[in-house]
Amino acid sequence: LYTMIPQIEGVLTLKQINNFKVEAIIRLARFVMQNNYFSYNHQFYHQIRGGPMGSPLTITIANCYVFFFE
């Protein structure tokens, strides 16, 4: 599920939790989601789809996204 959550839509669901009006939270969450890099076979890659595996933020965003998607 985590790797299938759309990055932008997932981050935007944070605005819907208790009417958060803190733009800094959205900006920081977007930064984490859009700046995930990993290495494989001595090559570096930029993850452009889904959330970073193992990140506590990804769990929160995935839960928010599924809650509002339903």
Protein backbone atom coordinates (compact mmCIF):
# COMPACT_ATOMS: atom_id res chain seq x y z
CA LEU A 1 0.00 0.00 0.00
CA TYR A 2 2.72 2.51 0.93
CA THR A 3 4.36 2.48 -2.45
CA MET A 4 1.04 3.07 -4.20
CA ILE A 5 -0.10 6.20 -2.29
CA PRO A 6 0.09 9.22 -4.62
CA GLN A 7 2.64 11.63 -3.15
CA ILE A 8 0.80 14.91 -3.64
CA GLU A 9 -2.67 13.63 -2.76
CA GLY A 10 -1.31 11.75 0.24
CA VAL A 11 0.34 14.84 1.66
CA LEU A 12 -2.74 16.98 1.01
CA THR A 13 -4.88 14.67 3.13
CA LEU A 14 -2.96 15.96 6.17
CA LYS A 15 -4.87 19.22 5.76
CA GLN A 16 -8.13 17.39 6.38
CA ILE A 17 -7.18 16.05 9.82
CA ASN A 18 -8.72 18.34 12.44
CA ASN A 19 -8.50 21.25 9.98
CA PHE A 20 -4.73 21.66 10.28
CA LYS A 21 -3.83 25.13 9.12
CA VAL A 22 -0.11 24.81 9.60
CA GLU A 23 1.47 25.14 6.17
CA ALA A 24 4.86 24.17 7.62
CA ILE A 25 3.61 20.63 8.31
CA ILE A 26 2.47 20.28 4.71
CA ARG A 27 5.75 21.63 3.37
CA LEU A 28 7.84 19.32 5.55
CA ALA A 29 5.72 16.29 4.67
CA ARG A 30 6.01 17.14 0.97
CA PHE A 31 9.78 17.43 1.36
CA VAL A 32 10.02 13.96 2.92
CA MET A 33 7.77 12.39 0.28
CA GLN A 34 9.48 14.02 -2.70
CA ASN A 35 13.11 13.67 -1.59
CA ASN A 36 13.53 9.97 -1.08
CA TYR A 37 16.62 8.43 -2.65
CA PHE A 38 17.94 4.89 -2.50
CA SER A 39 20.76 2.89 -3.96
CA TYR A 40 20.52 -0.38 -5.79
CA ASN A 41 23.37 -2.23 -7.42
CA HIS A 42 25.75 0.72 -6.85
CA GLN A 43 23.34 3.14 -8.58
CA PHE A 44 21.36 5.92 -6.91
CA TYR A 45 17.68 6.38 -7.69
CA HIS A 46 15.09 9.02 -6.87
CA GLN A 47 11.77 7.53 -5.79
CA ILE A 48 9.00 9.39 -7.63
CA ARG A 49 6.02 7.21 -6.78
CA GLY A 50 4.68 6.28 -3.37
CA GLY A 51 6.17 6.95 0.02
CA PRO A 52 9.51 5.96 1.46
CA MET A 53 9.41 2.53 3.10
CA GLY A 54 10.27 2.58 6.79
CA SER A 55 9.38 6.23 7.29
CA PRO A 56 6.93 6.89 10.14
CA LEU A 57 5.49 9.72 8.07
CA THR A 58 4.54 7.31 5.29
CA ILE A 59 2.39 5.33 7.72
CA THR A 60 0.51 8.46 8.76
CA ILE A 61 0.02 9.69 5.22
CA ALA A 62 -1.13 6.25 4.04
CA ASN A 63 -3.68 6.03 6.86
CA CYS A 64 -4.98 9.54 6.15
CA TYR A 65 -5.17 8.90 2.43
CA VAL A 66 -7.10 5.64 2.80
CA PHE A 67 -9.44 7.20 5.39
CA PHE A 68 -10.40 10.09 3.11
CA PHE A 69 -10.33 8.00 -0.06
CA GLU A 70 -12.97 5.67 1.36
